[in-house]
Structure formats: C-alpha cells, structure tokens
Amino acid sequence: MKRFYSNPRAFTLVELLVVIAIIGVMVGLLLPAVQAAREAARRMSCGNNCKQIGLAMHNYHSAYSQLPKHMGGTMPLVLSGGNLNPIGNFQNAPGHNVSRLSIFVGLLPFFEQQALWEQISQPLTAPNGAVFSAMGPSPYRRLHDHNTNGLYAPWLTNIPALRCPSDPGVGLPAQGRSNYNACLGDSNSNEVGNGPHNGNDPQGPRSHLEVSTRASARGVFVSRKVTRFNDVLDGLSNTVAGGEQNTDLGDRDITTQATRGATTDGPLYLNPRICADLNFIDPSRPRFWASTATFYGGDAEDRRGFRWADGSMISTGMLTILPPNSEVCGGNSLLQRGIVAPPSSRHQGGCHVIMADGAVRFITDSIDSGNTRSPGVYVSNAGVALGLEAGSQSPYGVWGAMGSRAGKESRPFEQP
C-alpha cells in the first residue's frame, strides 16, 4: 500500500523577518508599561518607608512625650572665661557628638534598628583601639577622621529603611546615605550655634545665632530645641514633618549639590532664588548647574543625603520655601543658616512628604509656593526683623503654610 507523507513547508526568510519585527514592536510597546509598573512599585515602597518614619515619630512621642530633637546629642562643657565652652573641636570632638545628631538616630529603635541603636548608645571600641563614648563622635566627621582617628562604624552604615528604591546613589564619598529628612519650616534661619553658651546656663542658647533661630524657625523641628505635637497649632494633618530628598550622584544635579549664591547670608534671606537669578542653572539642561555656578571649596562630602546621622541641613533637613525638586542654594555656609534646601525625589512630578499626623502625601512640583523671591521670616537676636517679622503669614503660599507649625495660615487657599 502506498503511503503518503506530508511534506511540511519551511518558513521563508521574509516570514521570519516579519515575525521578528512583530515581536520587536510588541516588546517596544510593552517595555514602557513594564518600566512604569516597576517605578510604581518603587514609589509605593518609598511611600511605605515614609509611613514607617511617621509612625516612628508618633511612637517616639508616645514614649518620651516629645519629638526627637533635631541637632540633639551630647556636648560636655567646661567653664572658661566666664562661659561654658564645648570640649573639643567641631568635627572630631573627643567623647561627644557636638549635639549634631539627626532625628533618625533617636528614631532607630522605632523602625526596627534596635541592634544599631545599641551600638550607638553604648561605648564602642574602633578596630585601631580608639574608644568612643556612648552616642558616638560628631556625625559630621570626614572620611579622613574615620581613617586617622578611629573608624566609627555606625555612622558609616547604610540603613535600608532610609533609602528610596528609586534613588540609585551608592558608595563613597557618602558615609551612610538617607533619602529622608526632617522639615524645619519656611525660614532658612536655622543656625545651630557651636560657640560658647551665654553665661553659665548649659541648657540655654549657645550663641546669638541660636537666639535668632528660636525667634524665626517655625517648623515641626527646630535646631537644638525640644518640640512636641501640642506645639503644632495649625493641626498635625496640615503640617509637614519631613520628606524625601535625592542623594548626590556627582553629576551637578541642582537638587543634590548646593551652589554658593553669596559669600554672606543676607542676599539669600532676602531672595531664596538668588542662585537661579545669577544664571547658575544650565538653560539647556535645567536639572543641572551651569559651568558658571560657584561651589563650596572641599564640598565633595557635603552633598545632599550623604550622612544619615548628621542633622545639618544639607544632610537631613528640608524647608518649605522653594517647591519640590527646586535648586539647593547656599549662602555663607552649608550647615543650617544660609541654605535653602527643598525636598526632592527621583519620582516623576513631585515627592513624598510626611505629615505630622503620620500620613504620607505626594506633593507635586507645581504646588502653590507664593512668591519664592520674597524675604522670609528672619529675626535677629536683638528682636529686629531683618526679613519678615515673627508671626507673619508665610509668603510661600500653600507650600510655606504647610511648613509652619503655628502660623495660623493652615488653609490660606480658602482665604479671599
């Protein structure tokens, strides 16, 4: 019997090319959707980190009836010349941290970092034999100090709960990156003062600059001052307690590296956008500084989010003056006074903020921020208003109002 076998027809080259082209088109169509889904997952994870930090603040307040002190810590003093002076120098003081700790040090046990907290809260011996007192040395230490005066490992630790998955920054010269910060309000008068105490009161302000801060600063957190939820008269749900920040990638990003808009702080107090007005931003690449921008000498380690334990503004502070993802502009220093540091993120169109009631909101870059070239609230130690007077309504619109804890302008958008 004759058998018949089918003779299968092979694909031609044209058919193969058509199939490959169709697959390529499908991949091209699906890839953006996949990337968008992955970024949505990263953004959700970041929001969850913010939620955990907000919850940690409330648990801390429940335990101690106050919020963690911004720029808190230890500073042993010695009587000298009629004043109580801190022992040791600014960066590498022996036996204490010069009261420079960020709020995250105190919050460690409240977001599942008990082991790291125990390392910090107990005396620690470095590999070279150097002995550090409880609560560690200054978190402002440079890498050189760690290498020559003893490695203090806790300050160099990267904490996953303080990292946003959308931020790719890793490695040196950052010591321990943080994508989250504390809100210090709508005034860039947040000087901490490292000089002697006035008189012999170890609890009093250390300098005229710190006296000025207490008259001017209006955020949930104030440098070296204890704050509580009952200080937030505008309502916890209306007031920002913290937010996001990008960490520096070494690419002259306007949100991570501060330019020096002036050699003194006065011009920055009078105009928070002085760096933009000096044409320091590259017009062809508006997310980066131009070649004409001036920077602080030796600031490679003084970039946004480089030290999670350091309470300085560039490391873990934010202000509600310029809207999210605006430029970081500095005056005389990169500490507290003389720097405008808005929140920022790698998410599209805005960033997360942590409200004082623990809620997390996504604030867009287009939020009403009023007159961003207006002088802010700045009162001298003599009570003289060098900017707006204490108690003035925030000139920075809804955004500024959200940063002041007791400005009586919690809903300015409802006013005629």
Protein backbone atom coordinates (compact mmCIF):
# COMPACT_ATOMS: atom_id res chain seq x y z
CA MET A 1 0.00 0.00 0.00
CA LYS A 2 1.35 3.37 -0.91
CA ARG A 3 1.87 5.70 1.99
CA PHE A 4 1.53 9.40 1.71
CA TYR A 5 3.62 11.68 3.91
CA SER A 6 3.04 15.37 4.25
CA ASN A 7 5.93 17.49 3.26
CA PRO A 8 5.95 20.39 5.80
CA ARG A 9 6.74 23.73 4.29
CA ALA A 10 9.57 25.69 6.00
CA PHE A 11 9.41 29.38 6.90
CA THR A 12 10.80 31.71 4.32
CA LEU A 13 13.27 34.44 5.22
CA VAL A 14 10.60 37.11 4.69
CA GLU A 15 8.22 35.35 7.11
CA LEU A 16 10.94 35.10 9.75
CA LEU A 17 11.74 38.78 9.41
CA VAL A 18 8.05 39.67 9.74
CA VAL A 19 7.71 37.59 12.91
CA ILE A 20 10.85 39.16 14.40
CA ALA A 21 9.55 42.64 13.55
CA ILE A 22 6.20 41.91 15.20
CA ILE A 23 7.97 40.65 18.34
CA GLY A 24 10.14 43.76 18.35
CA VAL A 25 7.11 46.05 18.10
CA MET A 26 5.38 44.20 20.94
CA VAL A 27 8.46 44.47 23.17
CA GLY A 28 8.72 48.15 22.33
CA LEU A 29 5.11 48.66 23.31
CA LEU A 30 5.32 46.62 26.49
CA LEU A 31 8.67 47.84 27.83
CA PRO A 32 7.48 51.33 28.88
CA ALA A 33 4.50 49.74 30.62
CA VAL A 34 6.82 47.34 32.46
CA GLN A 35 9.14 50.19 33.46
CA ALA A 36 6.18 52.27 34.62
CA ALA A 37 4.92 49.35 36.70
CA ARG A 38 8.34 48.87 38.28
CA GLU A 39 8.60 52.59 39.12
CA ALA A 40 5.09 52.49 40.59
CA ALA A 41 6.23 49.63 42.82
CA ARG A 42 9.36 51.56 43.84
CA ARG A 43 7.29 54.66 44.57
CA MET A 44 4.91 52.60 46.71
CA SER A 45 7.87 51.14 48.62
CA CYS A 46 9.25 54.64 49.16
CA GLY A 47 5.89 55.83 50.45
CA ASN A 48 5.86 52.90 52.83
CA ASN A 49 9.28 53.96 54.16
CA CYS A 50 7.86 57.43 54.78
CA LYS A 51 4.89 55.88 56.56
CA GLN A 52 7.22 53.91 58.84
CA ILE A 53 9.17 57.06 59.69
CA GLY A 54 5.94 58.91 60.50
CA LEU A 55 4.82 56.03 62.69
CA ALA A 56 8.23 56.00 64.40
CA MET A 57 7.82 59.71 65.22
CA HIS A 58 4.49 59.02 66.89
CA ASN A 59 5.82 56.03 68.81
CA TYR A 60 8.78 58.11 69.98
CA HIS A 61 6.43 60.89 71.10
CA SER A 62 4.25 58.36 72.90
CA ALA A 63 7.31 57.01 74.74
CA TYR A 64 9.00 60.31 75.63
CA SER A 65 6.24 62.97 75.36
CA GLN A 66 8.32 64.86 72.82
CA LEU A 67 9.69 64.51 69.31
CA PRO A 68 13.35 63.57 68.76
CA LYS A 69 15.47 66.70 68.92
CA HIS A 70 16.92 67.85 65.63
CA MET A 71 20.64 68.56 66.13
CA GLY A 72 20.49 66.87 69.52
CA GLY A 73 23.03 64.71 71.31
CA THR A 74 25.81 65.30 73.81
CA MET A 75 28.18 68.20 74.36
CA PRO A 76 30.20 68.18 77.61
CA LEU A 77 31.15 71.71 78.60
CA VAL A 78 33.98 73.30 80.53
CA LEU A 79 33.91 76.68 82.28
CA SER A 80 36.36 79.02 80.56
CA GLY A 81 36.44 82.78 80.57
CA GLY A 82 33.05 83.03 82.23
CA ASN A 83 31.39 80.90 79.55
CA LEU A 84 30.65 77.21 79.22
CA ASN A 85 32.54 76.05 76.14
CA PRO A 86 32.27 72.69 74.35
CA ILE A 87 35.21 70.37 74.83
CA GLY A 88 36.99 69.51 71.58
CA ASN A 89 36.81 70.81 68.05
CA PHE A 90 33.88 70.99 65.71
CA GLN A 91 34.46 67.89 63.57
CA ASN A 92 36.30 65.43 65.77
CA ALA A 93 35.46 66.33 69.36
CA PRO A 94 36.58 63.60 71.77
CA GLY A 95 33.91 61.94 73.84
CA HIS A 96 30.81 63.58 72.40
CA ASN A 97 28.98 64.35 69.17
CA VAL A 98 28.81 68.18 69.47
CA SER A 99 24.97 67.93 69.50
CA ARG A 100 24.78 67.31 65.77
CA LEU A 101 22.62 64.18 65.65
CA SER A 102 19.72 63.96 63.22
CA ILE A 103 16.27 62.83 64.32
CA PHE A 104 16.94 59.42 62.78
CA VAL A 105 19.44 58.47 65.47
CA GLY A 106 16.76 58.69 68.17
CA LEU A 107 14.19 57.01 65.93
CA LEU A 108 16.34 53.91 65.26
CA PRO A 109 14.63 51.63 67.82
CA PHE A 110 11.24 52.65 66.44
CA PHE A 111 11.84 51.44 62.87
CA GLU A 112 13.43 48.09 63.62
CA GLN A 113 17.06 49.20 64.01
CA GLN A 114 17.45 48.19 67.65
CA ALA A 115 20.82 46.49 67.05
CA LEU A 116 22.33 49.63 65.51
CA TRP A 117 20.87 51.75 68.32
CA GLU A 118 22.55 49.54 70.91
CA GLN A 119 25.89 50.01 69.19
CA ILE A 120 25.47 53.79 69.26
CA SER A 121 24.08 54.07 72.78
CA GLN A 122 26.98 52.11 74.28
CA PRO A 123 30.72 52.93 74.32
CA LEU A 124 32.35 51.48 71.21
CA THR A 125 35.95 50.47 70.51
CA ALA A 126 37.22 51.02 66.96
CA PRO A 127 39.48 48.50 65.20
CA ASN A 128 42.52 50.72 65.87
CA GLY A 129 41.75 50.78 69.59
CA ALA A 130 40.13 54.23 69.73
CA VAL A 131 37.31 54.30 72.31
CA PHE A 132 34.15 56.27 71.57
CA SER A 133 31.73 57.31 74.28
CA ALA A 134 28.04 56.48 74.16
CA MET A 135 26.21 58.30 71.35
CA GLY A 136 29.39 58.45 69.31
CA PRO A 137 31.54 61.24 67.90
CA SER A 138 30.33 64.05 65.66
CA PRO A 139 28.44 62.61 62.66
CA TYR A 140 29.95 65.46 60.65
CA ARG A 141 33.30 63.63 60.73
CA ARG A 142 35.05 63.45 57.40
CA LEU A 143 36.28 60.19 55.92
CA HIS A 144 39.78 61.34 56.86
CA ASP A 145 38.74 61.45 60.53
CA HIS A 146 37.42 57.90 60.35
CA ASN A 147 40.65 56.71 58.76
CA THR A 148 43.07 58.50 61.09
CA ASN A 149 41.21 58.92 64.38
CA GLY A 150 39.29 55.65 64.53
CA LEU A 151 36.56 54.14 62.40
CA TYR A 152 33.12 54.71 63.90
CA ALA A 153 31.12 52.09 62.01
CA PRO A 154 27.54 53.15 62.94
CA TRP A 155 27.88 56.47 61.11
CA LEU A 156 29.06 54.62 58.00
CA THR A 157 26.15 52.16 57.98
CA ASN A 158 23.60 52.27 55.17
CA ILE A 159 20.10 51.69 56.55
CA PRO A 160 17.63 50.18 54.06
CA ALA A 161 14.66 51.88 55.74
CA LEU A 162 16.23 55.27 54.92
CA ARG A 163 16.75 54.54 51.21
CA CYS A 164 14.25 55.12 48.41
CA PRO A 165 14.38 52.30 45.83
CA SER A 166 14.18 54.88 43.02
CA ASP A 167 17.45 56.54 44.07
CA PRO A 168 20.49 54.82 42.51
CA GLY A 169 23.13 56.54 44.65
CA VAL A 170 25.66 54.22 46.30
CA GLY A 171 29.16 54.29 47.71
CA LEU A 172 31.75 56.89 48.70
CA PRO A 173 32.19 59.71 49.39
CA ALA A 174 28.81 59.29 51.09
CA GLN A 175 29.18 57.76 54.55
CA GLY A 176 25.61 56.49 55.02
CA ARG A 177 23.00 57.78 52.62
CA SER A 178 19.50 58.92 53.55
CA ASN A 179 16.64 59.75 51.20
CA TYR A 180 14.53 61.20 54.02
CA ASN A 181 14.76 64.32 56.15
CA ALA A 182 13.17 66.50 58.83
CA CYS A 183 11.15 69.61 57.99
CA LEU A 184 12.43 72.81 59.62
CA GLY A 185 9.67 75.06 58.31
CA ASP A 186 9.56 78.00 55.92
CA SER A 187 12.51 80.02 57.24
CA ASN A 188 16.16 79.40 56.44
CA SER A 189 17.15 80.93 59.77
CA ASN A 190 18.07 77.63 61.42
CA GLU A 191 21.57 78.29 62.74
CA VAL A 192 22.59 75.90 65.49
CA GLY A 193 25.47 77.77 67.09
CA ASN A 194 28.64 75.92 68.05
CA GLY A 195 30.15 78.67 70.17
CA PRO A 196 30.00 79.09 73.96
CA HIS A 197 26.83 79.35 75.96
CA ASN A 198 25.86 82.85 77.02
CA GLY A 199 26.55 82.97 80.74
CA ASN A 200 26.63 79.70 82.65
CA ASP A 201 23.38 78.07 81.57
CA PRO A 202 24.20 74.74 79.86
CA GLN A 203 20.61 74.48 78.61
CA GLY A 204 20.43 77.98 77.18
CA PRO A 205 21.19 79.18 73.64
CA ARG A 206 24.86 78.89 72.71
CA SER A 207 25.12 81.99 70.56
CA HIS A 208 23.24 84.97 69.21
CA LEU A 209 22.55 82.91 66.09
CA GLU A 210 20.71 80.30 68.09
CA VAL A 211 18.69 83.02 69.82
CA SER A 212 17.72 84.22 66.36
CA THR A 213 16.72 80.71 65.34
CA ARG A 214 14.31 80.36 68.23
CA ALA A 215 12.64 83.59 67.20
CA SER A 216 12.49 82.75 63.49
CA ALA A 217 12.27 78.99 62.93
CA ARG A 218 8.68 77.76 62.55
CA GLY A 219 8.87 74.09 61.58
CA VAL A 220 7.80 70.95 63.42
CA PHE A 221 11.53 70.52 64.12
CA VAL A 222 13.81 73.33 65.30
CA SER A 223 17.57 73.02 65.68
CA ARG A 224 18.53 72.04 69.26
CA LYS A 225 15.08 72.73 70.61
CA VAL A 226 12.60 70.21 72.02
CA THR A 227 9.29 70.24 70.16
CA ARG A 228 6.03 68.40 70.84
CA PHE A 229 2.87 67.73 68.92
CA ASN A 230 0.97 70.25 71.03
CA ASP A 231 3.27 72.95 69.57
CA VAL A 232 1.71 72.32 66.15
CA LEU A 233 -1.20 74.73 66.43
CA ASP A 234 -2.06 74.60 62.72
CA GLY A 235 -3.04 70.95 63.08
CA LEU A 236 -0.99 67.80 62.61
CA SER A 237 -2.77 66.91 59.37
CA ASN A 238 -1.92 70.33 57.87
CA THR A 239 1.78 70.47 58.78
CA VAL A 240 4.79 68.80 57.14
CA ALA A 241 7.15 66.96 59.50
CA GLY A 242 9.55 65.53 56.93
CA GLY A 243 10.02 64.46 53.36
CA GLU A 244 12.16 62.98 50.63
CA GLN A 245 15.49 64.03 49.17
CA ASN A 246 17.72 62.82 46.36
CA THR A 247 21.24 61.74 47.24
CA ASP A 248 24.08 63.12 45.15
CA LEU A 249 25.43 61.17 42.15
CA GLY A 250 28.32 63.51 41.38
CA ASP A 251 26.56 64.97 38.34
CA ARG A 252 25.98 68.63 39.38
CA ASP A 253 22.28 68.00 39.95
CA ILE A 254 20.55 71.14 41.24
CA THR A 255 18.74 69.12 43.92
CA THR A 256 21.83 67.49 45.43
CA GLN A 257 24.73 69.93 45.23
CA ALA A 258 24.45 73.43 46.69
CA THR A 259 25.83 76.39 44.81
CA ARG A 260 27.15 79.40 46.65
CA GLY A 261 24.86 82.24 45.74
CA ALA A 262 26.62 84.74 48.01
CA THR A 263 29.58 84.99 50.38
CA THR A 264 27.26 86.19 53.14
CA ASP A 265 23.79 85.06 54.16
CA GLY A 266 21.97 88.38 53.71
CA PRO A 267 21.19 88.06 49.97
CA LEU A 268 19.79 84.55 50.49
CA TYR A 269 17.50 85.71 53.31
CA LEU A 270 16.16 88.43 51.01
CA ASN A 271 15.83 86.24 47.90
CA PRO A 272 15.77 82.42 48.17
CA ARG A 273 16.11 82.15 44.37
CA ILE A 274 19.34 84.09 44.14
CA CYS A 275 21.21 81.11 42.67
CA ALA A 276 18.72 80.87 39.79
CA ASP A 277 18.75 84.64 39.30
CA LEU A 278 22.56 84.53 38.97
CA ASN A 279 22.04 82.20 35.96
CA PHE A 280 23.75 79.33 37.71
CA ILE A 281 21.27 76.82 36.22
CA ASP A 282 22.12 75.46 32.76
CA PRO A 283 19.33 76.70 30.41
CA SER A 284 19.81 73.72 28.08
CA ARG A 285 19.75 71.20 30.97
CA PRO A 286 17.60 72.82 33.68
CA ARG A 287 18.08 69.96 36.14
CA PHE A 288 21.84 70.66 36.33
CA TRP A 289 24.11 73.51 37.32
CA ALA A 290 25.83 75.51 34.58
CA SER A 291 29.60 75.79 34.25
CA THR A 292 29.32 79.34 35.66
CA ALA A 293 27.98 78.10 39.03
CA THR A 294 30.20 78.57 42.07
CA PHE A 295 30.52 75.84 44.68
CA TYR A 296 31.90 75.49 48.19
CA GLY A 297 35.55 74.52 48.41
CA GLY A 298 36.10 70.96 49.55
CA ASP A 299 32.39 70.10 49.48
CA ALA A 300 32.76 66.61 47.96
CA GLU A 301 31.45 65.13 51.22
CA ASP A 302 28.90 67.89 51.78
CA ARG A 303 26.22 66.77 49.36
CA ARG A 304 22.55 66.03 49.82
CA GLY A 305 21.80 62.93 51.88
CA PHE A 306 25.41 61.84 52.42
CA ARG A 307 25.25 61.39 56.23
CA TRP A 308 22.03 59.96 57.72
CA ALA A 309 23.18 60.64 61.31
CA ASP A 310 24.14 64.29 60.73
CA GLY A 311 21.49 66.89 61.46
CA SER A 312 22.90 69.57 59.14
CA MET A 313 20.50 70.96 56.55
CA ILE A 314 22.40 69.59 53.58
CA SER A 315 22.36 66.08 55.10
CA THR A 316 18.90 65.62 56.64
CA GLY A 317 16.95 68.88 56.55
CA MET A 318 14.32 70.43 54.29
CA LEU A 319 12.43 73.73 54.04
CA THR A 320 9.07 74.64 52.51
CA ILE A 321 10.32 77.73 50.70
CA LEU A 322 11.01 76.57 47.14
CA PRO A 323 8.70 73.87 45.73
CA PRO A 324 9.82 70.23 45.49
CA ASN A 325 12.70 69.44 43.12
CA SER A 326 13.92 73.06 43.07
CA GLU A 327 17.56 74.03 43.41
CA VAL A 328 19.58 73.80 46.63
CA CYS A 329 21.02 77.29 47.12
CA GLY A 330 23.55 78.30 49.78
CA GLY A 331 24.90 81.48 51.27
CA ASN A 332 27.75 81.62 53.75
CA SER A 333 27.65 78.00 54.93
CA LEU A 334 26.25 74.54 54.26
CA LEU A 335 25.01 73.96 57.79
CA GLN A 336 21.63 75.33 58.85
CA ARG A 337 21.70 79.09 58.43
CA GLY A 338 22.24 80.23 54.89
CA ILE A 339 20.95 77.34 52.82
CA VAL A 340 17.60 76.79 51.11
CA ALA A 341 17.04 73.05 50.78
CA PRO A 342 13.72 71.92 49.25
CA PRO A 343 12.68 68.26 49.19
CA SER A 344 13.28 66.24 46.04
CA SER A 345 12.87 62.75 44.60
CA ARG A 346 13.54 60.53 41.59
CA HIS A 347 9.78 60.06 41.15
CA GLN A 348 8.04 61.81 38.30
CA GLY A 349 6.46 65.17 39.08
CA GLY A 350 6.95 65.57 42.83
CA CYS A 351 7.93 63.86 46.07
CA HIS A 352 6.50 62.33 49.23
CA VAL A 353 6.16 64.33 52.43
CA ILE A 354 5.41 63.04 55.91
CA MET A 355 2.66 64.97 57.66
CA ALA A 356 2.81 65.46 61.41
CA ASP A 357 -0.17 63.16 61.88
CA GLY A 358 1.78 60.33 60.24
CA ALA A 359 0.02 60.50 56.88
CA VAL A 360 2.07 60.46 53.68
CA ARG A 361 1.19 62.77 50.80
CA PHE A 362 2.66 63.13 47.34
CA ILE A 363 3.29 66.83 46.69
CA THR A 364 3.67 67.93 43.08
CA ASP A 365 6.33 70.32 41.83
CA SER A 366 3.55 72.72 40.81
CA ILE A 367 2.17 73.27 44.32
CA ASP A 368 1.32 76.89 45.09
CA SER A 369 4.50 78.34 46.59
CA GLY A 370 3.59 82.02 46.52
CA ASN A 371 6.43 84.48 45.94
CA THR A 372 9.59 82.39 46.06
CA ARG A 373 11.70 85.55 45.84
CA SER A 374 10.17 87.06 48.96
CA PRO A 375 12.28 87.55 52.09
CA GLY A 376 11.43 85.00 54.74
CA VAL A 377 10.86 85.34 58.46
CA TYR A 378 14.19 86.29 59.98
CA VAL A 379 14.52 87.99 63.37
CA SER A 380 17.92 88.96 64.78
CA ASN A 381 19.00 88.16 68.34
CA ALA A 382 18.08 91.75 69.22
CA GLY A 383 14.50 91.22 68.02
CA VAL A 384 14.99 93.22 64.83
CA ALA A 385 13.20 91.87 61.76
CA LEU A 386 15.84 91.52 59.04
CA GLY A 387 13.25 89.82 56.81
CA LEU A 388 9.57 89.41 57.66
CA GLU A 389 8.58 89.85 61.28
CA ALA A 390 7.93 86.86 63.53
CA GLY A 391 4.36 85.67 63.19
CA SER A 392 3.99 86.89 59.61
CA GLN A 393 1.91 84.79 57.24
CA SER A 394 4.15 82.67 55.07
CA PRO A 395 4.91 84.39 51.76
CA TYR A 396 5.41 80.99 50.12
CA GLY A 397 1.76 80.13 49.55
CA VAL A 398 0.20 76.82 50.48
CA TRP A 399 3.63 75.17 50.48
CA GLY A 400 5.04 77.63 53.02
CA ALA A 401 1.92 77.37 55.17
CA MET A 402 2.30 73.59 55.30
CA GLY A 403 5.79 74.04 56.77
CA SER A 404 4.95 76.43 59.61
CA ARG A 405 3.56 74.74 62.70
CA ALA A 406 1.73 77.71 64.21
CA GLY A 407 1.41 80.38 61.52
CA LYS A 408 -2.40 80.48 61.66
CA GLU A 409 -2.44 80.10 57.88
CA SER A 410 -3.06 76.37 57.62
CA ARG A 411 -5.66 76.88 54.86
CA PRO A 412 -4.56 80.04 53.00
CA PHE A 413 -6.13 78.79 49.76
CA GLU A 414 -9.59 79.33 51.33
CA GLN A 415 -8.94 82.98 52.09
CA PRO A 416 -10.30 85.66 49.74
